PDB file of N, CA and C in Angstrom:
ATOM      1  N   MET A   1      -1.687  -1.914  16.052  1.00  0.00           N
ATOM      2  CA  MET A   1      -0.838  -3.057  16.257  1.00  0.00           C
ATOM      3  C   MET A   1      -0.586  -3.814  17.645  1.00  0.00           C
ATOM      4  N   GLN A   2      -0.486  -3.350  18.145  1.00  0.00           N
ATOM      5  CA  GLN A   2      -0.279  -3.114  20.002  1.00  0.00           C
ATOM      6  C   GLN A   2      -0.807  -5.216  20.141  1.00  0.00           C
ATOM      7  N   GLY A   3       0.389  -5.487  20.818  1.00  0.00           N
ATOM      8  CA  GLY A   3      -0.278  -7.168  20.651  1.00  0.00           C
ATOM      9  C   GLY A   3       0.026  -8.120  19.604  1.00  0.00           C
ATOM     10  N   LYS A   4       0.756  -7.236  18.471  1.00  0.00           N
ATOM     11  CA  LYS A   4       1.099  -7.979  17.152  1.00  0.00           C
ATOM     12  C   LYS A   4       2.347  -8.350  16.833  1.00  0.00           C
ATOM     13  N   THR A   5       2.638  -9.362  16.452  1.00  0.00           N
ATOM     14  CA  THR A   5       4.370  -9.096  16.339  1.00  0.00           C
ATOM     15  C   THR A   5       4.483  -9.357  14.958  1.00  0.00           C
ATOM     16  N   LEU A   6       5.048  -8.230  13.894  1.00  0.00           N
ATOM     17  CA  LEU A   6       5.737  -8.662  12.413  1.00  0.00           C
ATOM     18  C   LEU A   6       6.434  -9.562  12.146  1.00  0.00           C
ATOM     19  N   PRO A   7       6.936 -10.389  11.465  1.00  0.00           N
ATOM     20  CA  PRO A   7       7.811 -11.523  10.892  1.00  0.00           C
ATOM     21  C   PRO A   7       8.619 -10.968  11.146  1.00  0.00           C
ATOM     22  N   ALA A   8       9.903 -11.803  11.612  1.00  0.00           N
ATOM     23  CA  ALA A   8      11.525 -10.989  12.262  1.00  0.00           C
ATOM     24  C   ALA A   8      11.518 -10.609  10.739  1.00  0.00           C
ATOM     25  N   GLY A   9      12.107  -9.716  10.752  1.00  0.00           N
ATOM     26  CA  GLY A   9      13.493  -8.716   9.442  1.00  0.00           C
ATOM     27  C   GLY A   9      12.441  -8.229   8.358  1.00  0.00           C
ATOM     28  N   ASN A  10      11.088  -7.912   8.461  1.00  0.00           N
ATOM     29  CA  ASN A  10       9.994  -7.461   7.704  1.00  0.00           C
ATOM     30  C   ASN A  10      10.015  -5.947   8.178  1.00  0.00           C
ATOM     31  N   THR A  11      11.228  -5.347   7.503  1.00  0.00           N
ATOM     32  CA  THR A  11      11.184  -3.660   7.725  1.00  0.00           C
ATOM     33  C   THR A  11       9.822  -2.656   7.073  1.00  0.00           C
ATOM     34  N   ILE A  12       9.613  -3.273   5.827  1.00  0.00           N
ATOM     35  CA  ILE A  12       8.706  -2.805   5.306  1.00  0.00           C
ATOM     36  C   ILE A  12       7.563  -2.781   6.024  1.00  0.00           C
ATOM     37  N   ASN A  13       6.841  -3.996   6.508  1.00  0.00           N
ATOM     38  CA  ASN A  13       5.415  -3.469   7.324  1.00  0.00           C
ATOM     39  C   ASN A  13       5.550  -3.499   8.583  1.00  0.00           C
ATOM     40  N   SER A  14       7.060  -3.222   9.403  1.00  0.00           N
ATOM     41  CA  SER A  14       7.061  -2.595  10.650  1.00  0.00           C
ATOM     42  C   SER A  14       7.231  -1.277  10.044  1.00  0.00           C
ATOM     43  N   PHE A  15       7.521  -0.527   9.286  1.00  0.00           N
ATOM     44  CA  PHE A  15       7.563   0.899   8.836  1.00  0.00           C
ATOM     45  C   PHE A  15       6.131   1.217   8.877  1.00  0.00           C
ATOM     46  N   LEU A  16       5.334   0.405   7.967  1.00  0.00           N
ATOM     47  CA  LEU A  16       4.022   0.499   7.499  1.00  0.00           C
ATOM     48  C   LEU A  16       3.668   0.847   8.990  1.00  0.00           C
ATOM     49  N   SER A  17       3.400   0.158   9.870  1.00  0.00           N
ATOM     50  CA  SER A  17       2.906   0.257  10.715  1.00  0.00           C
ATOM     51  C   SER A  17       2.864   1.279  11.879  1.00  0.00           C
ATOM     52  N   GLY A  18       3.736   2.188  11.423  1.00  0.00           N
ATOM     53  CA  GLY A  18       4.165   3.287  11.938  1.00  0.00           C
ATOM     54  C   GLY A  18       3.128   4.567  11.895  1.00  0.00           C
ATOM     55  N   GLU A  19       2.059   3.870  10.918  1.00  0.00           N
ATOM     56  CA  GLU A  19       1.093   4.910  10.566  1.00  0.00           C
ATOM     57  C   GLU A  19       1.873   5.688   9.467  1.00  0.00           C
ATOM     58  N   GLN A  20       2.782   5.240   8.446  1.00  0.00           N
ATOM     59  CA  GLN A  20       3.551   6.389   7.747  1.00  0.00           C
ATOM     60  C   GLN A  20       2.539   6.940   6.706  1.00  0.00           C
ATOM     61  N   ILE A  21       1.586   6.149   6.456  1.00  0.00           N
ATOM     62  CA  ILE A  21       0.911   6.820   4.712  1.00  0.00           C
ATOM     63  C   ILE A  21      -0.268   7.019   5.827  1.00  0.00           C
ATOM     64  N   PRO A  22      -0.897   8.578   6.149  1.00  0.00           N
ATOM     65  CA  PRO A  22      -2.307   8.487   6.902  1.00  0.00           C
ATOM     66  C   PRO A  22      -3.171   8.172   6.009  1.00  0.00           C
ATOM     67  N   GLU A  23      -4.116   8.005   6.767  1.00  0.00           N
ATOM     68  CA  GLU A  23      -5.693   7.767   5.715  1.00  0.00           C
ATOM     69  C   GLU A  23      -5.974   8.806   4.749  1.00  0.00           C
ATOM     70  N   GLY A  24      -6.363   8.110   3.825  1.00  0.00           N
ATOM     71  CA  GLY A  24      -6.735   9.079   2.752  1.00  0.00           C
ATOM     72  C   GLY A  24      -5.482   9.367   1.842  1.00  0.00           C
ATOM     73  N   LYS A  25      -4.569   8.881   2.247  1.00  0.00           N
ATOM     74  CA  LYS A  25      -3.395   9.509   1.205  1.00  0.00           C
ATOM     75  C   LYS A  25      -2.317   7.846   0.450  1.00  0.00           C
ATOM     76  N   VAL A  26      -1.820   7.945  -0.470  1.00  0.00           N
ATOM     77  CA  VAL A  26      -1.384   6.473  -0.763  1.00  0.00           C
ATOM     78  C   VAL A  26       0.088   7.388  -1.184  1.00  0.00           C
ATOM     79  N   SER A  27       0.449   5.996  -1.534  1.00  0.00           N
ATOM     80  CA  SER A  27       2.236   6.092  -2.214  1.00  0.00           C
ATOM     81  C   SER A  27       2.309   5.159  -2.749  1.00  0.00           C
ATOM     82  N   THR A  28       3.767   5.232  -3.259  1.00  0.00           N
ATOM     83  CA  THR A  28       4.335   3.998  -3.978  1.00  0.00           C
ATOM     84  C   THR A  28       4.969   3.103  -3.843  1.00  0.00           C
ATOM     85  N   TYR A  29       5.081   1.566  -4.622  1.00  0.00           N
ATOM     86  CA  TYR A  29       5.979   1.069  -4.254  1.00  0.00           C
ATOM     87  C   TYR A  29       7.721   1.392  -4.466  1.00  0.00           C
ATOM     88  N   ALA A  30       7.644   2.343  -5.413  1.00  0.00           N
ATOM     89  CA  ALA A  30       8.842   2.737  -5.611  1.00  0.00           C
ATOM     90  C   ALA A  30       9.408   4.353  -3.987  1.00  0.00           C
ATOM     91  N   ALA A  31       8.350   4.619  -3.894  1.00  0.00           N
ATOM     92  CA  ALA A  31       8.756   5.884  -3.424  1.00  0.00           C
ATOM     93  C   ALA A  31       9.288   5.244  -1.252  1.00  0.00           C
ATOM     94  N   LEU A  32       8.187   4.233  -1.424  1.00  0.00           N
ATOM     95  CA  LEU A  32       8.850   3.048   0.179  1.00  0.00           C
ATOM     96  C   LEU A  32      10.220   2.698  -0.171  1.00  0.00           C
ATOM     97  N   ALA A  33      10.417   1.861  -1.153  1.00  0.00           N
ATOM     98  CA  ALA A  33      11.623   1.385  -1.862  1.00  0.00           C
ATOM     99  C   ALA A  33      12.888   2.201  -1.436  1.00  0.00           C
ATOM    100  N   LYS A  34      12.678   3.781  -1.970  1.00  0.00           N
ATOM    101  CA  LYS A  34      13.543   4.788  -1.792  1.00  0.00           C
ATOM    102  C   LYS A  34      14.260   5.085  -0.697  1.00  0.00           C
ATOM    103  N   VAL A  35      13.146   5.330   0.350  1.00  0.00           N
ATOM    104  CA  VAL A  35      13.448   5.458   2.093  1.00  0.00           C
ATOM    105  C   VAL A  35      13.747   4.615   2.762  1.00  0.00           C
ATOM    106  N   LEU A  36      13.579   3.004   2.199  1.00  0.00           N
ATOM    107  CA  LEU A  36      13.992   2.168   2.934  1.00  0.00           C
ATOM    108  C   LEU A  36      15.282   1.652   1.930  1.00  0.00           C
ATOM    109  N   LYS A  37      15.641   2.309   1.088  1.00  0.00           N
ATOM    110  CA  LYS A  37      17.218   1.553   0.329  1.00  0.00           C
ATOM    111  C   LYS A  37      16.681   0.621   0.148  1.00  0.00           C
ATOM    112  N   SER A  38      15.616   0.067  -0.719  1.00  0.00           N
ATOM    113  CA  SER A  38      14.985  -1.265  -1.194  1.00  0.00           C
ATOM    114  C   SER A  38      15.229  -0.966  -2.783  1.00  0.00           C
ATOM    115  N   SER A  39      14.210  -2.209  -3.222  1.00  0.00           N
ATOM    116  CA  SER A  39      13.926  -2.110  -4.689  1.00  0.00           C
ATOM    117  C   SER A  39      12.496  -1.795  -4.145  1.00  0.00           C
ATOM    118  N   PRO A  40      11.300  -1.715  -5.431  1.00  0.00           N
ATOM    119  CA  PRO A  40      10.107  -2.084  -5.663  1.00  0.00           C
ATOM    120  C   PRO A  40       9.502  -2.751  -5.249  1.00  0.00           C
ATOM    121  N   ARG A  41      10.344  -3.746  -5.980  1.00  0.00           N
ATOM    122  CA  ARG A  41       9.998  -5.213  -5.818  1.00  0.00           C
ATOM    123  C   ARG A  41       9.814  -6.154  -4.849  1.00  0.00           C
ATOM    124  N   ALA A  42      11.058  -6.026  -3.955  1.00  0.00           N
ATOM    125  CA  ALA A  42      11.201  -5.925  -2.600  1.00  0.00           C
ATOM    126  C   ALA A  42      10.074  -5.691  -1.805  1.00  0.00           C
ATOM    127  N   VAL A  43       9.968  -4.097  -1.703  1.00  0.00           N
ATOM    128  CA  VAL A  43       8.734  -3.587  -0.704  1.00  0.00           C
ATOM    129  C   VAL A  43       7.432  -4.719  -1.012  1.00  0.00           C
ATOM    130  N   GLY A  44       7.058  -4.954  -2.847  1.00  0.00           N
ATOM    131  CA  GLY A  44       5.790  -5.903  -3.296  1.00  0.00           C
ATOM    132  C   GLY A  44       5.721  -7.128  -2.183  1.00  0.00           C
ATOM    133  N   GLY A  45       6.890  -7.750  -2.311  1.00  0.00           N
ATOM    134  CA  GLY A  45       6.804  -9.134  -1.904  1.00  0.00           C
ATOM    135  C   GLY A  45       6.885  -8.722  -0.352  1.00  0.00           C
ATOM    136  N   ALA A  46       7.637  -8.085   0.188  1.00  0.00           N
ATOM    137  CA  ALA A  46       6.930  -7.780   2.218  1.00  0.00           C
ATOM    138  C   ALA A  46       5.812  -7.769   2.234  1.00  0.00           C
ATOM    139  N   LEU A  47       5.080  -6.794   1.079  1.00  0.00           N
ATOM    140  CA  LEU A  47       3.484  -6.404   1.541  1.00  0.00           C
ATOM    141  C   LEU A  47       2.769  -7.411   1.013  1.00  0.00           C
ATOM    142  N   ARG A  48       3.090  -8.461   0.155  1.00  0.00           N
ATOM    143  CA  ARG A  48       2.161  -9.709  -0.448  1.00  0.00           C
ATOM    144  C   ARG A  48       2.304 -10.711   0.563  1.00  0.00           C
ATOM    145  N   SER A  49       3.185 -10.364   1.941  1.00  0.00           N
ATOM    146  CA  SER A  49       3.449 -11.122   3.057  1.00  0.00           C
ATOM    147  C   SER A  49       2.662 -10.644   4.262  1.00  0.00           C
ATOM    148  N   ASN A  50       2.363  -9.353   4.424  1.00  0.00           N
ATOM    149  CA  ASN A  50       1.692  -8.488   5.342  1.00  0.00           C
ATOM    150  C   ASN A  50       0.366  -9.375   6.156  1.00  0.00           C
ATOM    151  N   PRO A  51       0.361 -10.195   7.017  1.00  0.00           N
ATOM    152  CA  PRO A  51      -0.588 -10.893   7.778  1.00  0.00           C
ATOM    153  C   PRO A  51      -1.522 -10.020   8.998  1.00  0.00           C
ATOM    154  N   PHE A  52      -1.216  -9.077   8.465  1.00  0.00           N
ATOM    155  CA  PHE A  52      -2.109  -7.880   8.907  1.00  0.00           C
ATOM    156  C   PHE A  52      -2.801  -6.606   8.279  1.00  0.00           C
ATOM    157  N   ALA A  53      -2.898  -6.977   7.107  1.00  0.00           N
ATOM    158  CA  ALA A  53      -3.420  -5.981   6.263  1.00  0.00           C
ATOM    159  C   ALA A  53      -5.172  -6.162   6.923  1.00  0.00           C
ATOM    160  N   PRO A  54      -5.828  -5.060   7.046  1.00  0.00           N
ATOM    161  CA  PRO A  54      -5.486  -4.170   6.596  1.00  0.00           C
ATOM    162  C   PRO A  54      -5.002  -2.887   7.913  1.00  0.00           C
ATOM    163  N   GLU A  55      -4.768  -3.730   8.975  1.00  0.00           N
ATOM    164  CA  GLU A  55      -3.820  -2.819   9.843  1.00  0.00           C
ATOM    165  C   GLU A  55      -2.828  -2.290  10.071  1.00  0.00           C
ATOM    166  N   VAL A  56      -1.870  -3.252   9.215  1.00  0.00           N
ATOM    167  CA  VAL A  56      -0.973  -2.264   8.865  1.00  0.00           C
ATOM    168  C   VAL A  56      -1.141  -1.903   7.257  1.00  0.00           C
ATOM    169  N   PRO A  57      -1.309  -0.725   7.204  1.00  0.00           N
ATOM    170  CA  PRO A  57      -1.919  -0.352   5.549  1.00  0.00           C
ATOM    171  C   PRO A  57      -1.167  -0.452   4.263  1.00  0.00           C
ATOM    172  N   CYS A  58      -0.991  -1.508   4.198  1.00  0.00           N
ATOM    173  CA  CYS A  58      -0.527  -1.912   2.520  1.00  0.00           C
ATOM    174  C   CYS A  58      -1.394  -1.448   1.764  1.00  0.00           C
ATOM    175  N   HIS A  59      -2.454  -1.331   1.532  1.00  0.00           N
ATOM    176  CA  HIS A  59      -3.644  -1.120   0.614  1.00  0.00           C
ATOM    177  C   HIS A  59      -3.339   0.493   0.143  1.00  0.00           C
ATOM    178  N   ARG A  60      -2.505   0.899   1.095  1.00  0.00           N
ATOM    179  CA  ARG A  60      -2.311   2.763   0.731  1.00  0.00           C
ATOM    180  C   ARG A  60      -0.714   2.792  -0.326  1.00  0.00           C
ATOM    181  N   VAL A  61      -0.746   1.848  -0.940  1.00  0.00           N
ATOM    182  CA  VAL A  61       0.554   1.624  -1.542  1.00  0.00           C
ATOM    183  C   VAL A  61      -0.079   1.016  -3.189  1.00  0.00           C
ATOM    184  N   LEU A  62       0.364   1.969  -4.250  1.00  0.00           N
ATOM    185  CA  LEU A  62      -0.423   1.717  -5.309  1.00  0.00           C
ATOM    186  C   LEU A  62       1.132   1.682  -6.272  1.00  0.00           C
ATOM    187  N   ALA A  63       1.113   1.635  -7.493  1.00  0.00           N
ATOM    188  CA  ALA A  63       2.185   1.360  -8.942  1.00  0.00           C
ATOM    189  C   ALA A  63       2.646   2.586  -8.877  1.00  0.00           C
ATOM    190  N   SER A  64       3.876   3.054  -9.356  1.00  0.00           N
ATOM    191  CA  SER A  64       3.880   4.018  -9.637  1.00  0.00           C
ATOM    192  C   SER A  64       3.103   5.168 -10.446  1.00  0.00           C
ATOM    193  N   THR A  65       2.415   4.592 -11.708  1.00  0.00           N
ATOM    194  CA  THR A  65       1.602   5.086 -12.305  1.00  0.00           C
ATOM    195  C   THR A  65       0.168   5.599 -11.766  1.00  0.00           C
ATOM    196  N   GLY A  66       0.332   5.065 -10.508  1.00  0.00           N
ATOM    197  CA  GLY A  66      -1.101   5.224  -9.929  1.00  0.00           C
ATOM    198  C   GLY A  66      -2.071   4.540 -10.057  1.00  0.00           C
ATOM    199  N   PHE A  67      -1.605   3.179 -10.514  1.00  0.00           N
ATOM    200  CA  PHE A  67      -2.538   2.037 -10.985  1.00  0.00           C
ATOM    201  C   PHE A  67      -2.729   0.881  -9.176  1.00  0.00           C
ATOM    202  N   ILE A  68      -4.019   0.846  -9.274  1.00  0.00           N
ATOM    203  CA  ILE A  68      -4.032  -0.095  -7.591  1.00  0.00           C
ATOM    204  C   ILE A  68      -3.057  -1.226  -7.608  1.00  0.00           C
ATOM    205  N   GLY A  69      -2.267  -1.628  -8.291  1.00  0.00           N
ATOM    206  CA  GLY A  69      -1.332  -2.281  -7.790  1.00  0.00           C
ATOM    207  C   GLY A  69      -2.076  -3.841  -7.251  1.00  0.00           C
ATOM    208  N   GLY A  70      -0.887  -4.539  -6.502  1.00  0.00           N
ATOM    209  CA  GLY A  70      -1.339  -5.405  -5.786  1.00  0.00           C
ATOM    210  C   GLY A  70      -2.321  -5.254  -4.622  1.00  0.00           C
ATOM    211  N   PHE A  71      -2.676  -6.594  -3.950  1.00  0.00           N
ATOM    212  CA  PHE A  71      -3.482  -6.781  -2.535  1.00  0.00           C
ATOM    213  C   PHE A  71      -3.083  -8.332  -2.346  1.00  0.00           C
ATOM    214  N   LYS A  72      -2.456  -8.367  -1.230  1.00  0.00           N
ATOM    215  CA  LYS A  72      -2.664  -9.736  -0.320  1.00  0.00           C
ATOM    216  C   LYS A  72      -2.382 -10.638  -2.012  1.00  0.00           C
ATOM    217  N   GLY A  73      -0.572 -10.148  -1.932  1.00  0.00           N
ATOM    218  CA  GLY A  73      -0.423 -11.046  -3.253  1.00  0.00           C
ATOM    219  C   GLY A  73      -1.248 -11.043  -4.218  1.00  0.00           C
ATOM    220  N   ASP A  74      -2.023 -10.578  -4.680  1.00  0.00           N
ATOM    221  CA  ASP A  74      -3.144 -10.969  -5.921  1.00  0.00           C
ATOM    222  C   ASP A  74      -2.944  -9.442  -6.827  1.00  0.00           C
ATOM    223  N   TRP A  75      -2.397  -9.630  -8.067  1.00  0.00           N
ATOM    224  CA  TRP A  75      -1.855  -8.858  -9.152  1.00  0.00           C
ATOM    225  C   TRP A  75      -2.844  -8.633 -10.748  1.00  0.00           C
ATOM    226  N   GLU A  76      -4.204  -8.510 -10.494  1.00  0.00           N
ATOM    227  CA  GLU A  76      -5.478  -8.824 -11.560  1.00  0.00           C
ATOM    228  C   GLU A  76      -5.654  -7.455 -11.972  1.00  0.00           C
ATOM    229  N   LYS A  77      -5.949  -7.164 -12.767  1.00  0.00           N
ATOM    230  CA  LYS A  77      -6.510  -6.082 -13.722  1.00  0.00           C
ATOM    231  C   LYS A  77      -7.945  -5.898 -12.663  1.00  0.00           C
ATOM    232  N   VAL A  78      -8.316  -5.146 -12.468  1.00  0.00           N
ATOM    233  CA  VAL A  78      -9.490  -4.126 -12.419  1.00  0.00           C
ATOM    234  C   VAL A  78     -10.671  -4.438 -13.123  1.00  0.00           C
ATOM    235  N   PRO A  79     -11.528  -4.961 -13.367  1.00  0.00           N
ATOM    236  CA  PRO A  79     -12.272  -5.173 -11.424  1.00  0.00           C
ATOM    237  C   PRO A  79     -12.153  -6.962 -11.279  1.00  0.00           C
ATOM    238  N   SER A  80     -11.816  -7.504 -12.206  1.00  0.00           N
ATOM    239  CA  SER A  80     -11.284  -9.046 -12.121  1.00  0.00           C
ATOM    240  C   SER A  80     -10.966  -9.681 -10.867  1.00  0.00           C
ATOM    241  N   GLY A  81     -10.004  -8.934 -10.331  1.00  0.00           N
ATOM    242  CA  GLY A  81      -9.295  -9.421  -9.119  1.00  0.00           C
ATOM    243  C   GLY A  81     -10.303  -9.337  -7.656  1.00  0.00           C
ATOM    244  N   GLN A  82     -10.807 -10.297  -7.210  1.00  0.00           N
ATOM    245  CA  GLN A  82     -11.270  -9.858  -6.071  1.00  0.00           C
ATOM    246  C   GLN A  82     -10.503  -9.182  -4.768  1.00  0.00           C
ATOM    247  N   ASN A  83      -9.174  -9.295  -4.793  1.00  0.00           N
ATOM    248  CA  ASN A  83      -8.299  -8.387  -4.161  1.00  0.00           C
ATOM    249  C   ASN A  83      -8.421  -7.126  -4.123  1.00  0.00           C
ATOM    250  N   GLN A  84      -8.342  -6.610  -5.307  1.00  0.00           N
ATOM    251  CA  GLN A  84      -8.237  -5.183  -5.707  1.00  0.00           C
ATOM    252  C   GLN A  84      -9.602  -4.802  -5.627  1.00  0.00           C
ATOM    253  N   THR A  85     -10.298  -5.594  -5.920  1.00  0.00           N
ATOM    254  CA  THR A  85     -12.275  -5.275  -5.504  1.00  0.00           C
ATOM    255  C   THR A  85     -11.989  -4.761  -3.839  1.00  0.00           C
ATOM    256  N   SER A  86     -11.403  -5.611  -2.719  1.00  0.00           N
ATOM    257  CA  SER A  86     -11.376  -5.484  -1.663  1.00  0.00           C
ATOM    258  C   SER A  86     -10.033  -3.951  -1.556  1.00  0.00           C
ATOM    259  N   LYS A  87      -9.375  -3.956  -1.626  1.00  0.00           N
ATOM    260  CA  LYS A  87      -8.308  -2.933  -1.913  1.00  0.00           C
ATOM    261  C   LYS A  87      -9.177  -1.529  -2.260  1.00  0.00           C
ATOM    262  N   ARG A  88      -9.709  -1.641  -3.454  1.00  0.00           N
ATOM    263  CA  ARG A  88     -10.458  -0.495  -3.746  1.00  0.00           C
ATOM    264  C   ARG A  88     -11.545   0.031  -2.802  1.00  0.00           C
ATOM    265  N   LYS A  89     -12.188  -1.027  -1.829  1.00  0.00           N
ATOM    266  CA  LYS A  89     -13.270  -0.537  -1.315  1.00  0.00           C
ATOM    267  C   LYS A  89     -12.856   0.024   0.071  1.00  0.00           C
ATOM    268  N   LEU A  90     -11.528  -0.379   0.371  1.00  0.00           N
ATOM    269  CA  LEU A  90     -10.356  -0.091   1.878  1.00  0.00           C
ATOM    270  C   LEU A  90     -10.314   1.578   1.589  1.00  0.00           C
ATOM    271  N   LEU A  91      -9.889   1.517  -0.110  1.00  0.00           N
ATOM    272  CA  LEU A  91      -9.200   3.170  -0.274  1.00  0.00           C
ATOM    273  C   LEU A  91     -10.705   4.130  -0.444  1.00  0.00           C
ATOM    274  N   ALA A  92     -11.714   3.421  -1.101  1.00  0.00           N
ATOM    275  CA  ALA A  92     -12.460   4.385  -1.105  1.00  0.00           C
ATOM    276  C   ALA A  92     -13.582   4.917   0.058  1.00  0.00           C
ATOM    277  N   SER A  93     -13.279   4.484   1.403  1.00  0.00           N
ATOM    278  CA  SER A  93     -13.758   4.310   2.718  1.00  0.00           C
ATOM    279  C   SER A  93     -12.755   5.312   3.276  1.00  0.00           C
ATOM    280  N   GLU A  94     -11.552   5.352   2.553  1.00  0.00           N
ATOM    281  CA  GLU A  94     -11.056   6.098   3.206  1.00  0.00           C
ATOM    282  C   GLU A  94     -10.813   7.410   2.376  1.00  0.00           C
ATOM    283  N   GLY A  95     -11.567   8.053   1.688  1.00  0.00           N
ATOM    284  CA  GLY A  95     -11.912   9.185   0.419  1.00  0.00           C
ATOM    285  C   GLY A  95     -10.897   8.934  -0.396  1.00  0.00           C
ATOM    286  N   VAL A  96     -10.164   8.221  -0.516  1.00  0.00           N
ATOM    287  CA  VAL A  96      -8.956   7.804  -2.152  1.00  0.00           C
ATOM    288  C   VAL A  96      -9.654   7.041  -2.817  1.00  0.00           C
ATOM    289  N   GLN A  97     -10.362   7.579  -4.045  1.00  0.00           N
ATOM    290  CA  GLN A  97     -11.301   7.428  -5.458  1.00  0.00           C
ATOM    291  C   GLN A  97     -10.132   6.667  -7.085  1.00  0.00           C
ATOM    292  N   LEU A  98     -10.425   5.966  -7.296  1.00  0.00           N
ATOM    293  CA  LEU A  98      -9.883   5.483  -8.395  1.00  0.00           C
ATOM    294  C   LEU A  98     -11.120   4.954  -9.823  1.00  0.00           C
ATOM    295  N   ASP A  99     -10.495   5.198 -10.935  1.00  0.00           N
ATOM    296  CA  ASP A  99     -11.534   5.277 -12.067  1.00  0.00           C
ATOM    297  C   ASP A  99     -11.474   3.878 -12.089  1.00  0.00           C
ATOM    298  N   GLU A 100     -12.284   3.629 -12.791  1.00  0.00           N
ATOM    299  CA  GLU A 100     -12.981   2.518 -13.645  1.00  0.00           C
ATOM    300  C   GLU A 100     -12.086   1.043 -13.831  1.00  0.00           C
ATOM    301  N   THR A 101     -10.816   1.679 -14.288  1.00  0.00           N
ATOM    302  CA  THR A 101      -9.560   0.668 -14.516  1.00  0.00           C
ATOM    303  C   THR A 101      -8.835   0.927 -13.659  1.00  0.00           C
ATOM    304  N   GLY A 102      -9.223   1.640 -12.565  1.00  0.00           N
ATOM    305  CA  GLY A 102      -8.060   1.299 -11.613  1.00  0.00           C
ATOM    306  C   GLY A 102      -6.962   1.733 -11.300  1.00  0.00           C
ATOM    307  N   TYR A 103      -7.562   3.470 -11.419  1.00  0.00           N
ATOM    308  CA  TYR A 103      -6.301   4.421 -11.784  1.00  0.00           C
ATOM    309  C   TYR A 103      -6.820   5.521 -10.588  1.00  0.00           C
ATOM    310  N   LEU A 104      -5.784   5.878 -10.030  1.00  0.00           N
ATOM    311  CA  LEU A 104      -5.719   7.126  -8.999  1.00  0.00           C
ATOM    312  C   LEU A 104      -6.618   8.502  -9.557  1.00  0.00           C
ATOM    313  N   ILE A 105      -7.806   8.952  -8.772  1.00  0.00           N
ATOM    314  CA  ILE A 105      -8.079  10.099 -10.057  1.00  0.00           C
ATOM    315  C   ILE A 105      -7.488  11.390  -9.070  1.00  0.00           C
ATOM    316  N   ASP A 106      -7.203  11.692  -8.289  1.00  0.00           N
ATOM    317  CA  ASP A 106      -7.165  12.661  -7.356  1.00  0.00           C
ATOM    318  C   ASP A 106      -5.630  13.098  -7.219  1.00  0.00           C
ATOM    319  N   LYS A 107      -4.884  13.380  -7.633  1.00  0.00           N
ATOM    320  CA  LYS A 107      -3.255  13.296  -7.462  1.00  0.00           C
ATOM    321  C   LYS A 107      -2.893  13.642  -6.400  1.00  0.00           C
ATOM    322  N   SER A 108      -3.204  14.852  -5.545  1.00  0.00           N
ATOM    323  CA  SER A 108      -3.609  15.344  -4.439  1.00  0.00           C
ATOM    324  C   SER A 108      -3.630  14.211  -3.308  1.00  0.00           C
ATOM    325  N   CYS A 109      -3.541  12.947  -3.309  1.00  0.00           N
ATOM    326  CA  CYS A 109      -3.946  12.016  -2.222  1.00  0.00           C
ATOM    327  C   CYS A 109      -2.343  11.344  -2.615  1.00  0.00           C
ATOM    328  N   TRP A 110      -1.500  11.400  -3.211  1.00  0.00           N
ATOM    329  CA  TRP A 110       0.102  11.296  -3.245  1.00  0.00           C
ATOM    330  C   TRP A 110       0.671  11.948  -1.972  1.00  0.00           C
ATOM    331  N   TRP A 111       1.532  10.520  -1.643  1.00  0.00           N
ATOM    332  CA  TRP A 111       2.072  11.028   0.290  1.00  0.00           C
ATOM    333  C   TRP A 111       3.186  10.703  -0.106  1.00  0.00           C
ATOM    334  N   ASP A 112       4.619  11.416   0.161  1.00  0.00           N
ATOM    335  CA  ASP A 112       5.759  11.326   0.286  1.00  0.00           C
ATOM    336  C   ASP A 112       6.474  11.516   1.213  1.00  0.00           C
ATOM    337  N   LYS A 113       5.732  11.969   2.834  1.00  0.00           N
ATOM    338  CA  LYS A 113       6.459  12.673   3.736  1.00  0.00           C
ATOM    339  C   LYS A 113       6.753  11.813   4.514  1.00  0.00           C
ATOM    340  N   PHE A 114       7.696  10.767   4.631  1.00  0.00           N
ATOM    341  CA  PHE A 114       7.876   9.637   5.374  1.00  0.00           C
ATOM    342  C   PHE A 114       9.366   9.902   6.608  1.00  0.00           C
ATOM    343  N   ASP A 115       8.434   9.712   7.841  1.00  0.00           N
ATOM    344  CA  ASP A 115       9.266  10.350   9.192  1.00  0.00           C
ATOM    345  C   ASP A 115      10.417   8.815   8.871  1.00  0.00           C
ATOM    346  N   VAL A 116      11.686   9.307   8.591  1.00  0.00           N
ATOM    347  CA  VAL A 116      12.454   8.232   9.166  1.00  0.00           C
ATOM    348  C   VAL A 116      13.754   8.226  10.038  1.00  0.00           C
ATOM    349  N   SER A 117      13.327   8.608  11.085  1.00  0.00           N
ATOM    350  CA  SER A 117      14.056   8.985  12.112  1.00  0.00           C
ATOM    351  C   SER A 117      13.886   7.903  13.051  1.00  0.00           C
TER     352      SER A 117
END
């Protein structure tokens, strides 16, 4: 992320830019909201406006149900959403597999070990 500036006040994207969710792992809008003392909708709103995806890895954030959720402001059901197809490919390239309906297959990919220091 060197040389790039996140929009002022965008704490969620700033938080993610610090490699909080490692490659091959995913978290949820709710888990991020809890650690940032925010709401899942606020997290989704901030990630929707992330101009640096995938460098700021917002693709690693799923719905609490394990559903792929949105990406770049698009929340269409898989596989009809073009952005979900991109998100699915990014996750697959990191070893995270989703089923044909867009749900996380391997629950060991969940991540909640955030560094808030």
